[in-house]
Amino acid sequence: MRHGWEVLGVDTDPDLVQQLSEDFTHAAVADCTDPQVLEQLGVIEYSRVVVGIGTDLEASILITTNLVDVGIPTSGPR
């Protein structure tokens, strides 16, 4: 956000989203394992996406696959 970028933070925990909402330009309570949710959130409009789920590998893989399916390009570590 310091660079003028739009930043969307998403989590399924409403308390966490509320707590961190001021750290993002947009914050939402949502389950990104549902591909329709990603489309509703407009993630295709963002130039970069970070999936940071440290506790659920299956959810991380599913969300990453959903992001690819909606058109987010992939790249390896930089």
N, C-alpha and C. Protein backbone atom coordinates (compact mmCIF):
# COMPACT_ATOMS: atom_id res chain seq x y z
N MET A 1 0.83 -1.18 0.00
CA MET A 1 0.00 0.00 0.00
C MET A 1 0.88 1.25 0.00
N ARG A 2 2.05 1.16 0.60
CA ARG A 2 2.95 2.32 0.62
C ARG A 2 3.35 2.74 -0.77
N HIS A 3 3.28 1.83 -1.72
CA HIS A 3 3.65 2.12 -3.10
C HIS A 3 2.44 2.49 -3.96
N GLY A 4 1.29 2.64 -3.31
CA GLY A 4 0.09 3.01 -4.03
C GLY A 4 -0.67 1.83 -4.63
N TRP A 5 -0.32 0.63 -4.25
CA TRP A 5 -0.97 -0.57 -4.78
C TRP A 5 -2.23 -0.87 -4.00
N GLU A 6 -3.22 -1.39 -4.68
CA GLU A 6 -4.43 -1.90 -4.04
C GLU A 6 -4.09 -3.26 -3.44
N VAL A 7 -4.41 -3.47 -2.18
CA VAL A 7 -4.10 -4.72 -1.50
C VAL A 7 -5.38 -5.28 -0.90
N LEU A 8 -5.67 -6.53 -1.26
CA LEU A 8 -6.85 -7.23 -0.77
C LEU A 8 -6.41 -8.32 0.19
N GLY A 9 -6.90 -8.28 1.41
CA GLY A 9 -6.64 -9.34 2.38
C GLY A 9 -7.90 -10.15 2.57
N VAL A 10 -7.78 -11.47 2.53
CA VAL A 10 -8.94 -12.35 2.64
C VAL A 10 -8.65 -13.45 3.65
N ASP A 11 -9.62 -13.73 4.50
CA ASP A 11 -9.51 -14.85 5.43
C ASP A 11 -10.92 -15.31 5.77
N THR A 12 -11.02 -16.53 6.27
CA THR A 12 -12.34 -17.05 6.66
C THR A 12 -12.70 -16.65 8.09
N ASP A 13 -11.75 -16.09 8.82
CA ASP A 13 -11.97 -15.71 10.22
C ASP A 13 -12.37 -14.23 10.29
N PRO A 14 -13.63 -13.95 10.60
CA PRO A 14 -14.09 -12.56 10.63
C PRO A 14 -13.35 -11.69 11.65
N ASP A 15 -12.96 -12.27 12.78
CA ASP A 15 -12.23 -11.50 13.78
C ASP A 15 -10.86 -11.08 13.26
N LEU A 16 -10.17 -11.98 12.59
CA LEU A 16 -8.86 -11.67 12.02
C LEU A 16 -8.98 -10.61 10.93
N VAL A 17 -9.98 -10.74 10.08
CA VAL A 17 -10.19 -9.75 9.01
C VAL A 17 -10.45 -8.38 9.63
N GLN A 18 -11.28 -8.33 10.65
CA GLN A 18 -11.56 -7.06 11.31
C GLN A 18 -10.30 -6.47 11.92
N GLN A 19 -9.53 -7.31 12.57
CA GLN A 19 -8.30 -6.87 13.23
C GLN A 19 -7.29 -6.30 12.24
N LEU A 20 -7.19 -6.89 11.05
CA LEU A 20 -6.18 -6.49 10.07
C LEU A 20 -6.73 -5.60 8.96
N SER A 21 -7.99 -5.23 9.02
CA SER A 21 -8.62 -4.52 7.91
C SER A 21 -7.94 -3.19 7.58
N GLU A 22 -7.35 -2.53 8.55
CA GLU A 22 -6.69 -1.26 8.28
C GLU A 22 -5.33 -1.43 7.61
N ASP A 23 -4.83 -2.67 7.58
CA ASP A 23 -3.55 -2.95 6.92
C ASP A 23 -3.70 -3.17 5.42
N PHE A 24 -4.94 -3.20 4.93
CA PHE A 24 -5.21 -3.46 3.52
C PHE A 24 -6.14 -2.39 2.97
N THR A 25 -6.09 -2.16 1.66
CA THR A 25 -7.06 -1.25 1.06
C THR A 25 -8.43 -1.89 1.00
N HIS A 26 -8.47 -3.22 0.93
CA HIS A 26 -9.73 -3.97 0.92
C HIS A 26 -9.53 -5.22 1.77
N ALA A 27 -10.54 -5.59 2.53
CA ALA A 27 -10.48 -6.81 3.34
C ALA A 27 -11.82 -7.51 3.23
N ALA A 28 -11.78 -8.84 3.20
CA ALA A 28 -13.02 -9.60 3.04
C ALA A 28 -12.95 -10.89 3.83
N VAL A 29 -14.09 -11.28 4.34
CA VAL A 29 -14.25 -12.60 4.94
C VAL A 29 -14.79 -13.49 3.83
N ALA A 30 -14.00 -14.47 3.43
CA ALA A 30 -14.41 -15.32 2.32
C ALA A 30 -13.61 -16.62 2.32
N ASP A 31 -14.14 -17.61 1.64
CA ASP A 31 -13.48 -18.90 1.48
C ASP A 31 -13.00 -19.01 0.03
N CYS A 32 -11.71 -18.78 -0.17
CA CYS A 32 -11.16 -18.75 -1.52
C CYS A 32 -10.97 -20.14 -2.13
N THR A 33 -11.34 -21.20 -1.38
CA THR A 33 -11.33 -22.52 -2.00
C THR A 33 -12.49 -22.66 -2.97
N ASP A 34 -13.42 -21.72 -2.94
CA ASP A 34 -14.56 -21.68 -3.86
C ASP A 34 -14.20 -20.75 -5.02
N PRO A 35 -14.07 -21.29 -6.24
CA PRO A 35 -13.66 -20.47 -7.38
C PRO A 35 -14.58 -19.28 -7.64
N GLN A 36 -15.86 -19.41 -7.35
CA GLN A 36 -16.79 -18.30 -7.57
C GLN A 36 -16.47 -17.13 -6.65
N VAL A 37 -15.97 -17.43 -5.46
CA VAL A 37 -15.60 -16.37 -4.52
C VAL A 37 -14.47 -15.54 -5.10
N LEU A 38 -13.49 -16.19 -5.71
CA LEU A 38 -12.37 -15.46 -6.31
C LEU A 38 -12.86 -14.52 -7.40
N GLU A 39 -13.79 -14.99 -8.19
CA GLU A 39 -14.35 -14.13 -9.24
C GLU A 39 -15.13 -12.97 -8.63
N GLN A 40 -15.91 -13.24 -7.59
CA GLN A 40 -16.69 -12.19 -6.92
C GLN A 40 -15.78 -11.15 -6.28
N LEU A 41 -14.63 -11.59 -5.78
CA LEU A 41 -13.69 -10.66 -5.16
C LEU A 41 -12.91 -9.85 -6.19
N GLY A 42 -12.97 -10.26 -7.45
CA GLY A 42 -12.28 -9.54 -8.51
C GLY A 42 -10.77 -9.72 -8.50
N VAL A 43 -10.30 -10.89 -8.08
CA VAL A 43 -8.85 -11.10 -7.98
C VAL A 43 -8.14 -10.97 -9.32
N ILE A 44 -8.84 -11.16 -10.40
CA ILE A 44 -8.23 -11.03 -11.72
C ILE A 44 -7.73 -9.61 -11.97
N GLU A 45 -8.25 -8.65 -11.23
CA GLU A 45 -7.85 -7.25 -11.38
C GLU A 45 -6.51 -6.95 -10.71
N TYR A 46 -6.02 -7.86 -9.89
CA TYR A 46 -4.76 -7.64 -9.17
C TYR A 46 -3.59 -8.21 -9.97
N SER A 47 -2.46 -7.51 -9.93
CA SER A 47 -1.31 -7.95 -10.71
C SER A 47 -0.49 -9.03 -10.01
N ARG A 48 -0.61 -9.14 -8.72
CA ARG A 48 0.09 -10.17 -7.95
C ARG A 48 -0.86 -10.77 -6.92
N VAL A 49 -0.67 -12.05 -6.65
CA VAL A 49 -1.46 -12.74 -5.64
C VAL A 49 -0.51 -13.57 -4.79
N VAL A 50 -0.69 -13.50 -3.49
CA VAL A 50 0.09 -14.31 -2.56
C VAL A 50 -0.87 -15.19 -1.78
N VAL A 51 -0.61 -16.49 -1.80
CA VAL A 51 -1.39 -17.42 -0.99
C VAL A 51 -0.51 -17.76 0.20
N GLY A 52 -0.97 -17.39 1.39
CA GLY A 52 -0.17 -17.60 2.59
C GLY A 52 -0.94 -18.35 3.65
N ILE A 53 -1.17 -19.62 3.42
CA ILE A 53 -1.86 -20.46 4.40
C ILE A 53 -0.83 -21.45 4.94
N GLY A 54 -0.39 -21.23 6.15
CA GLY A 54 0.65 -22.08 6.70
C GLY A 54 0.13 -23.31 7.41
N THR A 55 -1.18 -23.41 7.57
CA THR A 55 -1.72 -24.50 8.37
C THR A 55 -2.50 -25.53 7.56
N ASP A 56 -2.72 -25.29 6.28
CA ASP A 56 -3.57 -26.19 5.50
C ASP A 56 -3.04 -26.29 4.07
N LEU A 57 -2.16 -27.26 3.84
CA LEU A 57 -1.54 -27.43 2.52
C LEU A 57 -2.58 -27.69 1.44
N GLU A 58 -3.59 -28.50 1.76
CA GLU A 58 -4.63 -28.82 0.78
C GLU A 58 -5.36 -27.55 0.33
N ALA A 59 -5.70 -26.67 1.27
CA ALA A 59 -6.38 -25.41 0.93
C ALA A 59 -5.47 -24.52 0.09
N SER A 60 -4.18 -24.48 0.42
CA SER A 60 -3.23 -23.68 -0.37
C SER A 60 -3.17 -24.14 -1.81
N ILE A 61 -3.12 -25.44 -2.00
CA ILE A 61 -3.06 -26.00 -3.36
C ILE A 61 -4.36 -25.73 -4.10
N LEU A 62 -5.49 -25.93 -3.44
CA LEU A 62 -6.78 -25.71 -4.07
C LEU A 62 -6.95 -24.25 -4.47
N ILE A 63 -6.60 -23.34 -3.59
CA ILE A 63 -6.73 -21.91 -3.90
C ILE A 63 -5.80 -21.52 -5.04
N THR A 64 -4.58 -22.02 -5.02
CA THR A 64 -3.63 -21.73 -6.10
C THR A 64 -4.16 -22.24 -7.43
N THR A 65 -4.73 -23.43 -7.43
CA THR A 65 -5.32 -23.99 -8.64
C THR A 65 -6.49 -23.13 -9.11
N ASN A 66 -7.32 -22.69 -8.18
CA ASN A 66 -8.45 -21.82 -8.53
C ASN A 66 -7.97 -20.50 -9.13
N LEU A 67 -6.88 -19.96 -8.59
CA LEU A 67 -6.34 -18.70 -9.12
C LEU A 67 -5.86 -18.88 -10.56
N VAL A 68 -5.20 -19.99 -10.82
CA VAL A 68 -4.75 -20.28 -12.19
C VAL A 68 -5.97 -20.41 -13.11
N ASP A 69 -7.01 -21.07 -12.64
CA ASP A 69 -8.22 -21.27 -13.44
C ASP A 69 -8.92 -19.97 -13.79
N VAL A 70 -8.84 -18.95 -12.90
CA VAL A 70 -9.48 -17.67 -13.22
C VAL A 70 -8.56 -16.73 -13.98
N GLY A 71 -7.32 -17.17 -14.25
CA GLY A 71 -6.45 -16.40 -15.13
C GLY A 71 -5.28 -15.70 -14.47
N ILE A 72 -5.01 -15.97 -13.21
CA ILE A 72 -3.84 -15.36 -12.56
C ILE A 72 -2.60 -16.11 -13.03
N PRO A 73 -1.62 -15.40 -13.59
CA PRO A 73 -0.41 -16.09 -14.07
C PRO A 73 0.41 -16.59 -12.90
N THR A 74 1.15 -17.67 -13.13
CA THR A 74 2.01 -18.23 -12.09
C THR A 74 3.46 -17.89 -12.37
N SER A 75 4.21 -17.83 -11.32
CA SER A 75 5.66 -17.67 -11.44
C SER A 75 6.29 -18.28 -10.21
N GLY A 76 7.53 -18.70 -10.36
CA GLY A 76 8.25 -19.30 -9.25
C GLY A 76 8.81 -18.24 -8.32
N PRO A 77 9.52 -18.67 -7.31
CA PRO A 77 10.14 -17.73 -6.37
C PRO A 77 11.12 -16.82 -7.08
N ARG A 78 11.22 -15.61 -6.59
CA ARG A 78 12.17 -14.65 -7.20
C ARG A 78 13.35 -14.47 -6.31
